[in-house]
Amino acid sequence: MVGGFVPGARVVKAFNHLPVNLLPEPMASGGKRVLFYSGDDASAKEDVRKLIDRTGAFPIDLGSLDVGAPLASLPFGPLAGISLIKT
């Protein structure tokens, strides 16, 4: 895992389950584009949630890295590449 390369790192997985060309478009089809995030550090996850909010997207916490990361990992995670819209 990435966190193992940098002792003490606070790792949050976010912004990488959608094609990059969709990230500048947080509003779509009358709602907010959903961005998933996951991590093991509550404070770091809160920082990322706020960052996602500021982009205009809708943040959804998928839980810890061992649960959430596989759900949104490209190319085979069941949520990877799916552009969901929160209306």
PDB file of N, CA and C in Angstrom:
ATOM      1  N   MET A   1       0.844  -1.175   0.000  1.00  0.00           N
ATOM      2  CA  MET A   1       0.000   0.000   0.000  1.00  0.00           C
ATOM      3  C   MET A   1       0.891   1.241   0.000  1.00  0.00           C
ATOM      4  N   VAL A   2       0.398   2.310  -0.576  1.00  0.00           N
ATOM      5  CA  VAL A   2       1.141   3.550  -0.715  1.00  0.00           C
ATOM      6  C   VAL A   2       1.617   4.083   0.632  1.00  0.00           C
ATOM      7  N   GLY A   3       0.768   4.043   1.637  1.00  0.00           N
ATOM      8  CA  GLY A   3       1.128   4.546   2.957  1.00  0.00           C
ATOM      9  C   GLY A   3       2.362   3.882   3.544  1.00  0.00           C
ATOM     10  N   GLY A   4       2.648   2.658   3.143  1.00  0.00           N
ATOM     11  CA  GLY A   4       3.807   1.941   3.634  1.00  0.00           C
ATOM     12  C   GLY A   4       5.129   2.527   3.158  1.00  0.00           C
ATOM     13  N   PHE A   5       5.102   3.273   2.071  1.00  0.00           N
ATOM     14  CA  PHE A   5       6.318   3.883   1.541  1.00  0.00           C
ATOM     15  C   PHE A   5       6.714   5.154   2.296  1.00  0.00           C
ATOM     16  N   VAL A   6       5.764   5.756   2.989  1.00  0.00           N
ATOM     17  CA  VAL A   6       6.030   6.989   3.723  1.00  0.00           C
ATOM     18  C   VAL A   6       5.483   6.820   5.140  1.00  0.00           C
ATOM     19  N   PRO A   7       6.317   6.400   6.069  1.00  0.00           N
ATOM     20  CA  PRO A   7       5.859   6.200   7.441  1.00  0.00           C
ATOM     21  C   PRO A   7       5.198   7.465   7.996  1.00  0.00           C
ATOM     22  N   GLY A   8       4.040   7.281   8.610  1.00  0.00           N
ATOM     23  CA  GLY A   8       3.305   8.396   9.198  1.00  0.00           C
ATOM     24  C   GLY A   8       2.395   9.117   8.219  1.00  0.00           C
ATOM     25  N   ALA A   9       2.404   8.698   6.966  1.00  0.00           N
ATOM     26  CA  ALA A   9       1.550   9.355   5.968  1.00  0.00           C
ATOM     27  C   ALA A   9       0.082   9.108   6.268  1.00  0.00           C
ATOM     28  N   ARG A  10      -0.732  10.097   5.978  1.00  0.00           N
ATOM     29  CA  ARG A  10      -2.186   9.973   6.101  1.00  0.00           C
ATOM     30  C   ARG A  10      -2.729   9.854   4.680  1.00  0.00           C
ATOM     31  N   VAL A  11      -3.156   8.664   4.291  1.00  0.00           N
ATOM     32  CA  VAL A  11      -3.542   8.379   2.912  1.00  0.00           C
ATOM     33  C   VAL A  11      -5.056   8.393   2.769  1.00  0.00           C
ATOM     34  N   VAL A  12      -5.520   9.109   1.768  1.00  0.00           N
ATOM     35  CA  VAL A  12      -6.934   9.106   1.399  1.00  0.00           C
ATOM     36  C   VAL A  12      -6.997   8.886  -0.107  1.00  0.00           C
ATOM     37  N   LYS A  13      -7.784   7.905  -0.517  1.00  0.00           N
ATOM     38  CA  LYS A  13      -7.972   7.635  -1.948  1.00  0.00           C
ATOM     39  C   LYS A  13      -9.160   8.453  -2.420  1.00  0.00           C
ATOM     40  N   ALA A  14      -8.935   9.291  -3.433  1.00  0.00           N
ATOM     41  CA  ALA A  14     -10.001  10.142  -3.954  1.00  0.00           C
ATOM     42  C   ALA A  14      -9.611  10.644  -5.343  1.00  0.00           C
ATOM     43  N   PHE A  15     -10.602  11.101  -6.089  1.00  0.00           N
ATOM     44  CA  PHE A  15     -10.409  11.758  -7.381  1.00  0.00           C
ATOM     45  C   PHE A  15      -9.869  10.856  -8.486  1.00  0.00           C
ATOM     46  N   ASN A  16      -9.806   9.571  -8.297  1.00  0.00           N
ATOM     47  CA  ASN A  16      -9.197   8.750  -9.345  1.00  0.00           C
ATOM     48  C   ASN A  16     -10.075   7.595  -9.810  1.00  0.00           C
ATOM     49  N   HIS A  17     -11.377   7.692  -9.614  1.00  0.00           N
ATOM     50  CA  HIS A  17     -12.238   6.623 -10.110  1.00  0.00           C
ATOM     51  C   HIS A  17     -13.002   7.039 -11.363  1.00  0.00           C
ATOM     52  N   LEU A  18     -12.857   8.313 -11.761  1.00  0.00           N
ATOM     53  CA  LEU A  18     -13.511   8.821 -12.959  1.00  0.00           C
ATOM     54  C   LEU A  18     -12.470   9.257 -13.983  1.00  0.00           C
ATOM     55  N   PRO A  19     -12.850   9.280 -15.258  1.00  0.00           N
ATOM     56  CA  PRO A  19     -11.933   9.843 -16.250  1.00  0.00           C
ATOM     57  C   PRO A  19     -11.630  11.308 -15.902  1.00  0.00           C
ATOM     58  N   VAL A  20     -10.398  11.715 -16.082  1.00  0.00           N
ATOM     59  CA  VAL A  20      -9.955  13.046 -15.683  1.00  0.00           C
ATOM     60  C   VAL A  20     -10.759  14.158 -16.367  1.00  0.00           C
ATOM     61  N   ASN A  21     -11.267  13.931 -17.555  1.00  0.00           N
ATOM     62  CA  ASN A  21     -12.019  14.975 -18.255  1.00  0.00           C
ATOM     63  C   ASN A  21     -13.356  15.293 -17.584  1.00  0.00           C
ATOM     64  N   LEU A  22     -13.843  14.443 -16.675  1.00  0.00           N
ATOM     65  CA  LEU A  22     -15.092  14.724 -15.967  1.00  0.00           C
ATOM     66  C   LEU A  22     -14.882  15.552 -14.700  1.00  0.00           C
ATOM     67  N   LEU A  23     -13.681  15.564 -14.155  1.00  0.00           N
ATOM     68  CA  LEU A  23     -13.433  16.266 -12.893  1.00  0.00           C
ATOM     69  C   LEU A  23     -13.699  17.769 -12.961  1.00  0.00           C
ATOM     70  N   PRO A  24     -13.408  18.456 -14.069  1.00  0.00           N
ATOM     71  CA  PRO A  24     -13.713  19.891 -14.114  1.00  0.00           C
ATOM     72  C   PRO A  24     -15.203  20.203 -14.255  1.00  0.00           C
ATOM     73  N   GLU A  25     -16.029  19.180 -14.370  1.00  0.00           N
ATOM     74  CA  GLU A  25     -17.471  19.361 -14.559  1.00  0.00           C
ATOM     75  C   GLU A  25     -18.235  18.769 -13.367  1.00  0.00           C
ATOM     76  N   PRO A  26     -18.233  19.449 -12.210  1.00  0.00           N
ATOM     77  CA  PRO A  26     -18.887  18.890 -11.026  1.00  0.00           C
ATOM     78  C   PRO A  26     -20.412  18.876 -11.128  1.00  0.00           C
ATOM     79  N   MET A  27     -20.980  19.717 -11.972  1.00  0.00           N
ATOM     80  CA  MET A  27     -22.432  19.735 -12.166  1.00  0.00           C
ATOM     81  C   MET A  27     -22.750  19.028 -13.487  1.00  0.00           C
ATOM     82  N   ALA A  28     -23.737  18.144 -13.443  1.00  0.00           N
ATOM     83  CA  ALA A  28     -24.127  17.414 -14.647  1.00  0.00           C
ATOM     84  C   ALA A  28     -25.561  16.942 -14.504  1.00  0.00           C
ATOM     85  N   SER A  29     -26.315  17.000 -15.567  1.00  0.00           N
ATOM     86  CA  SER A  29     -27.684  16.484 -15.594  1.00  0.00           C
ATOM     87  C   SER A  29     -28.534  16.987 -14.431  1.00  0.00           C
ATOM     88  N   GLY A  30     -28.363  18.253 -14.065  1.00  0.00           N
ATOM     89  CA  GLY A  30     -29.180  18.846 -13.012  1.00  0.00           C
ATOM     90  C   GLY A  30     -28.786  18.490 -11.598  1.00  0.00           C
ATOM     91  N   GLY A  31     -27.592  17.943 -11.403  1.00  0.00           N
ATOM     92  CA  GLY A  31     -27.150  17.583 -10.058  1.00  0.00           C
ATOM     93  C   GLY A  31     -25.643  17.653  -9.937  1.00  0.00           C
ATOM     94  N   LYS A  32     -25.147  17.184  -8.792  1.00  0.00           N
ATOM     95  CA  LYS A  32     -23.708  17.185  -8.523  1.00  0.00           C
ATOM     96  C   LYS A  32     -23.120  15.811  -8.841  1.00  0.00           C
ATOM     97  N   ARG A  33     -21.983  15.828  -9.514  1.00  0.00           N
ATOM     98  CA  ARG A  33     -21.271  14.584  -9.787  1.00  0.00           C
ATOM     99  C   ARG A  33     -20.767  14.005  -8.462  1.00  0.00           C
ATOM    100  N   VAL A  34     -20.919  12.715  -8.268  1.00  0.00           N
ATOM    101  CA  VAL A  34     -20.475  12.019  -7.054  1.00  0.00           C
ATOM    102  C   VAL A  34     -18.984  11.710  -7.156  1.00  0.00           C
ATOM    103  N   LEU A  35     -18.243  12.041  -6.096  1.00  0.00           N
ATOM    104  CA  LEU A  35     -16.843  11.650  -5.987  1.00  0.00           C
ATOM    105  C   LEU A  35     -16.678  10.824  -4.715  1.00  0.00           C
ATOM    106  N   PHE A  36     -16.153   9.637  -4.874  1.00  0.00           N
ATOM    107  CA  PHE A  36     -15.923   8.730  -3.751  1.00  0.00           C
ATOM    108  C   PHE A  36     -14.563   8.999  -3.117  1.00  0.00           C
ATOM    109  N   TYR A  37     -14.462   8.723  -1.829  1.00  0.00           N
ATOM    110  CA  TYR A  37     -13.180   8.785  -1.139  1.00  0.00           C
ATOM    111  C   TYR A  37     -13.171   7.746  -0.036  1.00  0.00           C
ATOM    112  N   SER A  38     -11.960   7.301   0.336  1.00  0.00           N
ATOM    113  CA  SER A  38     -11.813   6.349   1.436  1.00  0.00           C
ATOM    114  C   SER A  38     -10.457   6.564   2.092  1.00  0.00           C
ATOM    115  N   GLY A  39     -10.369   6.169   3.345  1.00  0.00           N
ATOM    116  CA  GLY A  39      -9.116   6.320   4.077  1.00  0.00           C
ATOM    117  C   GLY A  39      -9.247   5.808   5.495  1.00  0.00           C
ATOM    118  N   ASP A  40      -8.107   5.736   6.176  1.00  0.00           N
ATOM    119  CA  ASP A  40      -8.082   5.211   7.535  1.00  0.00           C
ATOM    120  C   ASP A  40      -7.904   6.289   8.596  1.00  0.00           C
ATOM    121  N   ASP A  41      -7.682   7.518   8.176  1.00  0.00           N
ATOM    122  CA  ASP A  41      -7.471   8.620   9.110  1.00  0.00           C
ATOM    123  C   ASP A  41      -8.672   9.564   9.013  1.00  0.00           C
ATOM    124  N   ALA A  42      -9.456   9.643  10.081  1.00  0.00           N
ATOM    125  CA  ALA A  42     -10.695  10.431  10.066  1.00  0.00           C
ATOM    126  C   ALA A  42     -10.446  11.898   9.761  1.00  0.00           C
ATOM    127  N   SER A  43      -9.400  12.462  10.308  1.00  0.00           N
ATOM    128  CA  SER A  43      -9.092  13.873  10.090  1.00  0.00           C
ATOM    129  C   SER A  43      -8.713  14.136   8.633  1.00  0.00           C
ATOM    130  N   ALA A  44      -7.889  13.272   8.070  1.00  0.00           N
ATOM    131  CA  ALA A  44      -7.487  13.418   6.669  1.00  0.00           C
ATOM    132  C   ALA A  44      -8.696  13.253   5.754  1.00  0.00           C
ATOM    133  N   LYS A  45      -9.568  12.308   6.091  1.00  0.00           N
ATOM    134  CA  LYS A  45     -10.777  12.122   5.270  1.00  0.00           C
ATOM    135  C   LYS A  45     -11.677  13.351   5.336  1.00  0.00           C
ATOM    136  N   GLU A  46     -11.770  13.979   6.485  1.00  0.00           N
ATOM    137  CA  GLU A  46     -12.571  15.193   6.610  1.00  0.00           C
ATOM    138  C   GLU A  46     -11.986  16.311   5.746  1.00  0.00           C
ATOM    139  N   ASP A  47     -10.673  16.416   5.715  1.00  0.00           N
ATOM    140  CA  ASP A  47     -10.027  17.415   4.858  1.00  0.00           C
ATOM    141  C   ASP A  47     -10.363  17.168   3.388  1.00  0.00           C
ATOM    142  N   VAL A  48     -10.320  15.917   2.973  1.00  0.00           N
ATOM    143  CA  VAL A  48     -10.628  15.576   1.578  1.00  0.00           C
ATOM    144  C   VAL A  48     -12.106  15.800   1.285  1.00  0.00           C
ATOM    145  N   ARG A  49     -12.986  15.470   2.233  1.00  0.00           N
ATOM    146  CA  ARG A  49     -14.420  15.717   2.030  1.00  0.00           C
ATOM    147  C   ARG A  49     -14.667  17.204   1.786  1.00  0.00           C
ATOM    148  N   LYS A  50     -14.015  18.048   2.579  1.00  0.00           N
ATOM    149  CA  LYS A  50     -14.166  19.496   2.401  1.00  0.00           C
ATOM    150  C   LYS A  50     -13.637  19.941   1.040  1.00  0.00           C
ATOM    151  N   LEU A  51     -12.535  19.358   0.625  1.00  0.00           N
ATOM    152  CA  LEU A  51     -11.964  19.686  -0.682  1.00  0.00           C
ATOM    153  C   LEU A  51     -12.936  19.303  -1.803  1.00  0.00           C
ATOM    154  N   ILE A  52     -13.514  18.126  -1.707  1.00  0.00           N
ATOM    155  CA  ILE A  52     -14.495  17.692  -2.711  1.00  0.00           C
ATOM    156  C   ILE A  52     -15.693  18.633  -2.708  1.00  0.00           C
ATOM    157  N   ASP A  53     -16.169  18.998  -1.526  1.00  0.00           N
ATOM    158  CA  ASP A  53     -17.266  19.979  -1.430  1.00  0.00           C
ATOM    159  C   ASP A  53     -16.923  21.266  -2.169  1.00  0.00           C
ATOM    160  N   ARG A  54     -15.700  21.752  -1.955  1.00  0.00           N
ATOM    161  CA  ARG A  54     -15.293  23.017  -2.590  1.00  0.00           C
ATOM    162  C   ARG A  54     -15.228  22.913  -4.103  1.00  0.00           C
ATOM    163  N   THR A  55     -15.039  21.725  -4.634  1.00  0.00           N
ATOM    164  CA  THR A  55     -15.014  21.567  -6.094  1.00  0.00           C
ATOM    165  C   THR A  55     -16.412  21.667  -6.689  1.00  0.00           C
ATOM    166  N   GLY A  56     -17.440  21.539  -5.829  1.00  0.00           N
ATOM    167  CA  GLY A  56     -18.814  21.547  -6.307  1.00  0.00           C
ATOM    168  C   GLY A  56     -19.381  20.157  -6.515  1.00  0.00           C
ATOM    169  N   ALA A  57     -18.573  19.125  -6.279  1.00  0.00           N
ATOM    170  CA  ALA A  57     -19.027  17.744  -6.413  1.00  0.00           C
ATOM    171  C   ALA A  57     -19.667  17.281  -5.104  1.00  0.00           C
ATOM    172  N   PHE A  58     -20.254  16.081  -5.121  1.00  0.00           N
ATOM    173  CA  PHE A  58     -20.919  15.498  -3.950  1.00  0.00           C
ATOM    174  C   PHE A  58     -20.050  14.372  -3.398  1.00  0.00           C
ATOM    175  N   PRO A  59     -19.471  14.541  -2.187  1.00  0.00           N
ATOM    176  CA  PRO A  59     -18.590  13.515  -1.626  1.00  0.00           C
ATOM    177  C   PRO A  59     -19.345  12.348  -0.993  1.00  0.00           C
ATOM    178  N   ILE A  60     -18.848  11.149  -1.237  1.00  0.00           N
ATOM    179  CA  ILE A  60     -19.391   9.950  -0.578  1.00  0.00           C
ATOM    180  C   ILE A  60     -18.220   9.172   0.013  1.00  0.00           C
ATOM    181  N   ASP A  61     -18.269   8.966   1.326  1.00  0.00           N
ATOM    182  CA  ASP A  61     -17.247   8.244   2.066  1.00  0.00           C
ATOM    183  C   ASP A  61     -17.498   6.743   1.929  1.00  0.00           C
ATOM    184  N   LEU A  62     -16.525   6.038   1.353  1.00  0.00           N
ATOM    185  CA  LEU A  62     -16.637   4.592   1.190  1.00  0.00           C
ATOM    186  C   LEU A  62     -16.023   3.816   2.345  1.00  0.00           C
ATOM    187  N   GLY A  63     -15.594   4.523   3.395  1.00  0.00           N
ATOM    188  CA  GLY A  63     -15.059   3.842   4.568  1.00  0.00           C
ATOM    189  C   GLY A  63     -13.549   3.747   4.551  1.00  0.00           C
ATOM    190  N   SER A  64     -13.044   2.694   5.146  1.00  0.00           N
ATOM    191  CA  SER A  64     -11.596   2.502   5.273  1.00  0.00           C
ATOM    192  C   SER A  64     -10.977   2.155   3.918  1.00  0.00           C
ATOM    193  N   LEU A  65      -9.662   2.274   3.830  1.00  0.00           N
ATOM    194  CA  LEU A  65      -8.981   1.952   2.576  1.00  0.00           C
ATOM    195  C   LEU A  65      -9.175   0.501   2.161  1.00  0.00           C
ATOM    196  N   ASP A  66      -9.154  -0.413   3.124  1.00  0.00           N
ATOM    197  CA  ASP A  66      -9.282  -1.826   2.744  1.00  0.00           C
ATOM    198  C   ASP A  66     -10.675  -2.161   2.218  1.00  0.00           C
ATOM    199  N   VAL A  67     -11.670  -1.362   2.537  1.00  0.00           N
ATOM    200  CA  VAL A  67     -13.035  -1.573   2.031  1.00  0.00           C
ATOM    201  C   VAL A  67     -13.308  -0.684   0.822  1.00  0.00           C
ATOM    202  N   GLY A  68     -13.075   0.611   0.967  1.00  0.00           N
ATOM    203  CA  GLY A  68     -13.444   1.566  -0.073  1.00  0.00           C
ATOM    204  C   GLY A  68     -12.554   1.559  -1.292  1.00  0.00           C
ATOM    205  N   ALA A  69     -11.254   1.401  -1.107  1.00  0.00           N
ATOM    206  CA  ALA A  69     -10.334   1.465  -2.241  1.00  0.00           C
ATOM    207  C   ALA A  69     -10.649   0.428  -3.318  1.00  0.00           C
ATOM    208  N   PRO A  70     -10.893  -0.834  -2.978  1.00  0.00           N
ATOM    209  CA  PRO A  70     -11.209  -1.803  -4.029  1.00  0.00           C
ATOM    210  C   PRO A  70     -12.531  -1.493  -4.759  1.00  0.00           C
ATOM    211  N   LEU A  71     -13.457  -0.847  -4.083  1.00  0.00           N
ATOM    212  CA  LEU A  71     -14.730  -0.518  -4.727  1.00  0.00           C
ATOM    213  C   LEU A  71     -14.565   0.486  -5.864  1.00  0.00           C
ATOM    214  N   ALA A  72     -13.641   1.435  -5.684  1.00  0.00           N
ATOM    215  CA  ALA A  72     -13.482   2.514  -6.661  1.00  0.00           C
ATOM    216  C   ALA A  72     -12.182   2.419  -7.456  1.00  0.00           C
ATOM    217  N   SER A  73     -11.477   1.294  -7.366  1.00  0.00           N
ATOM    218  CA  SER A  73     -10.200   1.167  -8.068  1.00  0.00           C
ATOM    219  C   SER A  73     -10.394   0.826  -9.532  1.00  0.00           C
ATOM    220  N   LEU A  74      -9.650   1.555 -10.370  1.00  0.00           N
ATOM    221  CA  LEU A  74      -9.652   1.272 -11.805  1.00  0.00           C
ATOM    222  C   LEU A  74      -8.759   0.073 -12.069  1.00  0.00           C
ATOM    223  N   PRO A  75      -9.058  -0.785 -12.994  1.00  0.00           N
ATOM    224  CA  PRO A  75     -10.222  -0.747 -13.859  1.00  0.00           C
ATOM    225  C   PRO A  75     -11.364  -1.653 -13.413  1.00  0.00           C
ATOM    226  N   PHE A  76     -11.145  -2.443 -12.346  1.00  0.00           N
ATOM    227  CA  PHE A  76     -12.120  -3.498 -12.053  1.00  0.00           C
ATOM    228  C   PHE A  76     -13.027  -3.265 -10.860  1.00  0.00           C
ATOM    229  N   GLY A  77     -12.882  -2.181 -10.133  1.00  0.00           N
ATOM    230  CA  GLY A  77     -13.768  -1.909  -9.009  1.00  0.00           C
ATOM    231  C   GLY A  77     -15.186  -1.659  -9.504  1.00  0.00           C
ATOM    232  N   PRO A  78     -16.196  -2.136  -8.793  1.00  0.00           N
ATOM    233  CA  PRO A  78     -17.574  -1.991  -9.270  1.00  0.00           C
ATOM    234  C   PRO A  78     -18.041  -0.536  -9.388  1.00  0.00           C
ATOM    235  N   LEU A  79     -17.372   0.404  -8.722  1.00  0.00           N
ATOM    236  CA  LEU A  79     -17.761   1.809  -8.819  1.00  0.00           C
ATOM    237  C   LEU A  79     -16.835   2.610  -9.739  1.00  0.00           C
ATOM    238  N   ALA A  80     -15.767   1.998 -10.219  1.00  0.00           N
ATOM    239  CA  ALA A  80     -14.796   2.689 -11.065  1.00  0.00           C
ATOM    240  C   ALA A  80     -15.407   3.033 -12.414  1.00  0.00           C
ATOM    241  N   GLY A  81     -15.211   4.276 -12.820  1.00  0.00           N
ATOM    242  CA  GLY A  81     -15.662   4.702 -14.131  1.00  0.00           C
ATOM    243  C   GLY A  81     -17.146   5.020 -14.216  1.00  0.00           C
ATOM    244  N   ILE A  82     -17.880   4.832 -13.121  1.00  0.00           N
ATOM    245  CA  ILE A  82     -19.307   5.113 -13.132  1.00  0.00           C
ATOM    246  C   ILE A  82     -19.513   6.558 -12.697  1.00  0.00           C
ATOM    247  N   SER A  83     -20.134   7.324 -13.554  1.00  0.00           N
ATOM    248  CA  SER A  83     -20.370   8.732 -13.262  1.00  0.00           C
ATOM    249  C   SER A  83     -21.779   8.874 -12.673  1.00  0.00           C
ATOM    250  N   LEU A  84     -21.846   8.892 -11.347  1.00  0.00           N
ATOM    251  CA  LEU A  84     -23.139   9.042 -10.671  1.00  0.00           C
ATOM    252  C   LEU A  84     -23.420  10.515 -10.414  1.00  0.00           C
ATOM    253  N   ILE A  85     -24.694  10.890 -10.454  1.00  0.00           N
ATOM    254  CA  ILE A  85     -25.106  12.266 -10.233  1.00  0.00           C
ATOM    255  C   ILE A  85     -26.074  12.297  -9.057  1.00  0.00           C
ATOM    256  N   LYS A  86     -25.806  13.155  -8.065  1.00  0.00           N
ATOM    257  CA  LYS A  86     -26.687  13.364  -6.917  1.00  0.00           C
ATOM    258  C   LYS A  86     -27.607  14.538  -7.247  1.00  0.00           C
ATOM    259  N   THR A  87     -28.902  14.253  -7.341  1.00  0.00           N
ATOM    260  CA  THR A  87     -29.852  15.322  -7.651  1.00  0.00           C
ATOM    261  C   THR A  87     -30.562  15.769  -6.403  1.00  0.00           C
TER     262      THR A  87
END
